[in-house]
Amino acid sequence: MSDVKIAVAGAGGRMGAAVIRAAQIAGASVHSAFDRHGSAAIGKDAGTLAGTDALGVAVVDDIATALAGADAIIDFTVPSASVMLARHAAEHGLIHICGTTGFTPGESDEIAAAARAGARIVKSGNFSLGVNLLAGLVRQAAKALPGFDIEILEMHHNRKVDAPSGTALLLGQAAAEGRAVALDDVSVRVRDGHTGPREPGTIGFATLRGGTVVGEHSVILAGDREMITLSHRADDRAIFANGAVRAALWAADKPAGLYDMADVLGLKD
């Protein structure tokens, strides 16, 4: 059993339940679980709620109670809640594993400020091993094929609220790094009407939503009479939860700072 005590945010949601299950499989300690005020999960046993054996840990709606005695927060919630949790992590020197997506630039700046103020934050648009390996391949391909057009296609379930997905942006960032450009300067998020020819050097994004798709991403590099497609498909949210728990255990002996999943997996060495 790991001695890292994990507080699970959004315990009543699908990702919260997946994190609870992943923590038990990894032998990590589910110290507490919490959700928003008024959630139907409040008062229920976190293990029972996640479909496993009872843990003797009731879901609460008071953050101070949930974080008392905890070492790490695992958070797949919404940007406003994640920013608030990052501040708590900085104040108490906690680990904050943040898988939330859809941040504004200002909210991302606040997360970074919390890391500078004492939190150990691992923030990623995707916590799966496969996606982070894919990002490395995209970075290499974008660098090796400077004349190829890059398009990123993603599809998720019909309840996802942000677009492009955090994973699509992670892959776009990898492509931009391969080209040594700023993603904000070259990304094209929307095409509609008479757009004219494609501008060379841009990175395009296309978003699909429907059904119960967990996550599908393809990076297309289209050149003169040839095309390369690099893809990843997620079939179960467990891959993200497993990565988040792994990140929490990895961060236990790390100094305060802002990290990502590439740091956890040693892909920057």
Protein backbone atom coordinates (compact mmCIF):
# COMPACT_ATOMS: atom_id res chain seq x y z
CA MET A 1 0.00 0.00 0.00
CA SER A 2 1.34 3.41 -0.99
CA ASP A 3 1.73 5.97 1.76
CA VAL A 4 0.49 8.76 -0.57
CA LYS A 5 -2.95 9.76 0.70
CA ILE A 6 -5.16 10.73 -2.23
CA ALA A 7 -8.16 13.07 -2.15
CA VAL A 8 -10.41 12.43 -5.15
CA ALA A 9 -12.17 15.49 -6.56
CA GLY A 10 -15.45 15.11 -8.44
CA ALA A 11 -15.99 11.70 -6.87
CA GLY A 12 -19.56 11.52 -8.15
CA GLY A 13 -18.51 11.78 -11.79
CA ARG A 14 -17.32 9.13 -14.23
CA MET A 15 -13.67 10.14 -13.97
CA GLY A 16 -13.85 10.42 -10.20
CA ALA A 17 -15.15 6.86 -10.00
CA ALA A 18 -12.44 5.69 -12.40
CA VAL A 19 -9.77 7.33 -10.20
CA ILE A 20 -11.13 5.61 -7.09
CA ARG A 21 -10.95 2.23 -8.85
CA ALA A 22 -7.46 2.95 -10.24
CA ALA A 23 -6.16 3.96 -6.81
CA GLN A 24 -7.36 0.70 -5.30
CA ILE A 25 -5.79 -1.36 -8.09
CA ALA A 26 -2.48 0.50 -7.63
CA GLY A 27 -2.55 -0.04 -3.87
CA ALA A 28 -2.78 3.70 -3.23
CA SER A 29 -4.73 5.10 -0.30
CA VAL A 30 -8.05 6.83 -1.04
CA HIS A 31 -7.89 9.22 1.88
CA SER A 32 -11.00 11.22 1.01
CA ALA A 33 -13.48 11.95 -1.76
CA PHE A 34 -15.44 15.09 -2.42
CA ASP A 35 -17.88 16.66 -4.86
CA ARG A 36 -19.84 19.85 -5.35
CA HIS A 37 -22.53 20.90 -2.88
CA GLY A 38 -25.83 19.25 -3.77
CA SER A 39 -24.30 16.30 -5.61
CA ALA A 40 -26.19 13.03 -5.23
CA ALA A 41 -22.88 11.43 -4.27
CA ILE A 42 -22.60 13.28 -0.95
CA GLY A 43 -22.70 10.91 2.02
CA LYS A 44 -22.18 7.78 -0.05
CA ASP A 45 -19.22 5.47 0.38
CA ALA A 46 -16.59 6.29 -2.26
CA GLY A 47 -15.85 2.63 -2.99
CA THR A 48 -19.50 1.67 -3.33
CA LEU A 49 -20.08 4.68 -5.55
CA ALA A 50 -17.25 3.56 -7.83
CA GLY A 51 -18.60 0.01 -8.03
CA THR A 52 -15.97 -1.60 -5.80
CA ASP A 53 -15.87 -2.77 -2.19
CA ALA A 54 -16.79 -0.18 0.45
CA LEU A 55 -13.82 1.90 1.61
CA GLY A 56 -15.27 3.48 4.71
CA VAL A 57 -14.69 6.87 3.06
CA ALA A 58 -17.82 9.00 2.70
CA VAL A 59 -18.03 11.58 -0.08
CA VAL A 60 -18.16 15.09 1.39
CA ASP A 61 -18.82 18.55 -0.01
CA ASP A 62 -16.41 20.46 2.24
CA ILE A 63 -12.99 20.90 0.66
CA ALA A 64 -11.19 21.73 3.90
CA THR A 65 -12.45 18.47 5.43
CA ALA A 66 -11.47 16.47 2.34
CA LEU A 67 -7.95 17.88 2.14
CA ALA A 68 -7.12 17.65 5.86
CA GLY A 69 -4.37 15.04 6.14
CA ALA A 70 -4.23 14.39 2.38
CA ASP A 71 -1.00 14.36 0.35
CA ALA A 72 -2.42 14.61 -3.16
CA ILE A 73 -5.50 15.80 -5.03
CA ILE A 74 -6.55 14.05 -8.23
CA ASP A 75 -8.78 16.39 -10.17
CA PHE A 76 -10.77 15.88 -13.38
CA THR A 77 -13.38 18.59 -12.82
CA VAL A 78 -13.91 22.04 -14.37
CA PRO A 79 -11.43 24.91 -14.79
CA SER A 80 -12.80 27.14 -12.03
CA ALA A 81 -12.67 24.29 -9.51
CA SER A 82 -9.19 23.25 -10.62
CA VAL A 83 -7.83 26.77 -10.15
CA MET A 84 -9.28 26.84 -6.64
CA LEU A 85 -7.79 23.42 -5.86
CA ALA A 86 -4.39 24.54 -7.16
CA ARG A 87 -4.49 27.42 -4.68
CA HIS A 88 -5.26 24.98 -1.87
CA ALA A 89 -2.40 22.77 -3.02
CA ALA A 90 -0.01 25.72 -2.94
CA GLU A 91 -1.19 26.81 0.50
CA HIS A 92 -0.71 23.36 2.01
CA GLY A 93 2.19 22.05 -0.10
CA LEU A 94 0.10 19.32 -1.72
CA ILE A 95 0.42 17.37 -4.95
CA HIS A 96 -2.22 18.41 -7.49
CA ILE A 97 -2.83 16.05 -10.41
CA CYS A 98 -4.90 18.10 -12.85
CA GLY A 99 -6.57 16.41 -15.79
CA THR A 100 -9.13 19.15 -16.31
CA THR A 101 -9.26 20.71 -19.79
CA GLY A 102 -10.77 23.84 -21.30
CA PHE A 103 -8.70 26.42 -19.37
CA THR A 104 -8.52 30.01 -20.51
CA PRO A 105 -4.99 31.49 -20.77
CA GLY A 106 -5.63 33.37 -17.52
CA GLU A 107 -6.69 30.21 -15.69
CA SER A 108 -3.59 28.39 -16.95
CA ASP A 109 -1.51 31.27 -15.61
CA GLU A 110 -3.14 30.84 -12.20
CA ILE A 111 -2.29 27.12 -12.19
CA ALA A 112 1.34 27.98 -13.01
CA ALA A 113 1.38 30.59 -10.23
CA ALA A 114 0.20 27.99 -7.72
CA ALA A 115 3.08 25.72 -8.76
CA ARG A 116 5.53 28.57 -8.16
CA ALA A 117 3.91 29.19 -4.77
CA GLY A 118 4.56 25.69 -3.42
CA ALA A 119 2.29 23.15 -5.11
CA ARG A 120 3.56 20.10 -6.97
CA ILE A 121 1.28 20.18 -10.00
CA VAL A 122 1.17 17.64 -12.79
CA LYS A 123 -1.13 19.11 -15.45
CA SER A 124 -1.85 17.34 -18.71
CA GLY A 125 -4.49 17.29 -21.41
CA ASN A 126 -4.20 13.51 -21.33
CA PHE A 127 -2.75 11.09 -18.78
CA SER A 128 -2.51 7.98 -20.97
CA LEU A 129 0.85 6.46 -21.84
CA GLY A 130 -0.15 5.97 -25.47
CA VAL A 131 -1.16 9.57 -26.09
CA ASN A 132 2.04 10.94 -24.58
CA LEU A 133 4.11 8.60 -26.72
CA LEU A 134 2.04 9.75 -29.71
CA ALA A 135 2.86 13.36 -28.87
CA GLY A 136 6.55 12.53 -29.03
CA LEU A 137 6.10 10.97 -32.46
CA VAL A 138 4.13 14.00 -33.66
CA ARG A 139 6.88 16.31 -32.48
CA GLN A 140 9.49 14.32 -34.40
CA ALA A 141 7.35 14.03 -37.55
CA ALA A 142 6.53 17.75 -37.62
CA LYS A 143 10.22 18.57 -37.38
CA ALA A 144 11.27 16.03 -40.01
CA LEU A 145 8.55 17.03 -42.51
CA PRO A 146 8.47 20.84 -42.51
CA GLY A 147 6.60 21.09 -45.81
CA PHE A 148 3.70 18.85 -44.80
CA ASP A 149 0.32 20.27 -43.79
CA ILE A 150 -0.81 19.23 -40.30
CA GLU A 151 -4.44 18.57 -39.37
CA ILE A 152 -5.68 17.22 -36.01
CA LEU A 153 -9.01 15.39 -35.89
CA GLU A 154 -10.67 14.45 -32.60
CA MET A 155 -13.94 12.86 -31.53
CA HIS A 156 -15.48 12.54 -28.07
CA HIS A 157 -18.80 11.68 -26.44
CA ASN A 158 -21.76 14.01 -26.69
CA ARG A 159 -21.40 15.29 -23.10
CA LYS A 160 -17.94 16.82 -23.52
CA VAL A 161 -18.14 20.59 -23.10
CA ASP A 162 -14.78 21.92 -24.38
CA ALA A 163 -13.38 21.92 -27.91
CA PRO A 164 -10.83 21.22 -29.20
CA SER A 165 -10.11 18.59 -26.58
CA GLY A 166 -7.19 18.96 -24.23
CA THR A 167 -5.57 16.02 -25.98
CA ALA A 168 -5.95 17.63 -29.40
CA LEU A 169 -4.29 20.77 -28.04
CA LEU A 170 -1.53 18.67 -26.47
CA LEU A 171 -0.87 17.10 -29.88
CA GLY A 172 -1.04 20.49 -31.57
CA GLN A 173 1.49 21.84 -29.08
CA ALA A 174 3.79 18.91 -29.86
CA ALA A 175 3.54 19.65 -33.58
CA ALA A 176 4.23 23.34 -32.99
CA GLU A 177 7.27 22.50 -30.87
CA GLY A 178 8.54 20.31 -33.69
CA ARG A 179 8.25 23.28 -36.02
CA ALA A 180 9.68 25.72 -33.43
CA VAL A 181 6.60 27.96 -33.62
CA ALA A 182 3.96 29.12 -31.12
CA LEU A 183 0.74 27.14 -31.46
CA ASP A 184 -1.40 30.23 -30.90
CA ASP A 185 0.23 31.84 -33.94
CA VAL A 186 -0.48 28.99 -36.37
CA SER A 187 -3.60 27.16 -35.16
CA VAL A 188 -6.82 27.20 -37.17
CA ARG A 189 -9.79 26.20 -35.01
CA VAL A 190 -12.73 26.92 -37.32
CA ARG A 191 -13.33 26.77 -41.07
CA ASP A 192 -16.64 27.90 -42.51
CA GLY A 193 -17.69 29.46 -45.77
CA HIS A 194 -15.31 30.60 -48.50
CA THR A 195 -12.02 30.32 -46.62
CA GLY A 196 -9.63 30.43 -49.55
CA PRO A 197 -6.57 28.19 -49.92
CA ARG A 198 -5.02 26.65 -46.85
CA GLU A 199 -2.30 28.88 -45.42
CA PRO A 200 1.06 27.06 -45.39
CA GLY A 201 2.48 26.28 -41.95
CA THR A 202 -0.85 26.31 -40.11
CA ILE A 203 -2.06 23.53 -37.81
CA GLY A 204 -5.74 22.77 -38.27
CA PHE A 205 -8.19 21.32 -35.77
CA ALA A 206 -11.45 19.50 -36.47
CA THR A 207 -13.86 18.50 -33.71
CA LEU A 208 -16.51 15.76 -33.73
CA ARG A 209 -18.96 14.94 -30.92
CA GLY A 210 -21.35 12.04 -30.56
CA GLY A 211 -22.47 8.96 -28.69
CA THR A 212 -20.30 7.53 -25.94
CA VAL A 213 -16.89 7.79 -27.64
CA VAL A 214 -14.23 7.99 -24.92
CA GLY A 215 -11.66 9.64 -27.17
CA GLU A 216 -10.21 9.28 -30.67
CA HIS A 217 -7.40 11.45 -32.05
CA SER A 218 -5.61 11.48 -35.39
CA VAL A 219 -2.77 13.71 -36.53
CA ILE A 220 -2.60 13.91 -40.31
CA LEU A 221 0.56 15.07 -42.07
CA ALA A 222 -0.33 15.65 -45.71
CA GLY A 223 2.40 16.21 -48.28
CA ASP A 224 2.72 16.14 -52.05
CA ARG A 225 1.11 12.85 -53.17
CA GLU A 226 1.55 11.20 -49.76
CA MET A 227 -0.04 11.33 -46.32
CA ILE A 228 0.85 10.01 -42.87
CA THR A 229 -1.74 9.48 -40.13
CA LEU A 230 -0.77 8.96 -36.48
CA SER A 231 -3.70 7.88 -34.31
CA HIS A 232 -4.77 6.88 -30.82
CA ARG A 233 -8.08 5.52 -29.57
CA ALA A 234 -9.12 5.32 -25.93
CA ASP A 235 -11.65 2.60 -25.13
CA ASP A 236 -11.87 3.07 -21.36
CA ARG A 237 -11.41 6.01 -18.98
CA ALA A 238 -9.32 3.71 -16.81
CA ILE A 239 -6.24 4.58 -18.89
CA PHE A 240 -6.49 8.22 -17.80
CA ALA A 241 -7.20 7.36 -14.17
CA ASN A 242 -4.29 4.89 -14.07
CA GLY A 243 -1.95 7.57 -15.41
CA ALA A 244 -3.21 10.12 -12.89
CA VAL A 245 -2.55 7.76 -9.96
CA ARG A 246 0.89 6.99 -11.36
CA ALA A 247 1.57 10.73 -11.57
CA ALA A 248 0.53 11.24 -7.95
CA LEU A 249 2.94 8.54 -6.77
CA TRP A 250 5.72 9.94 -9.00
CA ALA A 251 5.30 13.47 -7.61
CA ALA A 252 5.65 12.37 -3.99
CA ASP A 253 9.38 13.12 -3.81
CA LYS A 254 9.50 15.98 -6.31
CA PRO A 255 9.99 19.67 -5.47
CA ALA A 256 7.25 22.24 -6.03
CA GLY A 257 6.76 23.05 -9.68
CA LEU A 258 4.63 22.56 -12.77
CA TYR A 259 5.09 19.21 -14.51
CA ASP A 260 3.35 17.25 -17.25
CA MET A 261 2.91 13.60 -18.13
CA ALA A 262 6.06 13.60 -20.27
CA ASP A 263 8.00 14.35 -17.06
CA VAL A 264 6.28 11.47 -15.26
CA LEU A 265 7.09 9.02 -18.06
CA GLY A 266 10.65 10.24 -18.54
CA LEU A 267 9.98 11.25 -22.14
CA LYS A 268 11.99 14.45 -21.81
CA ASP A 269 15.26 12.68 -20.99
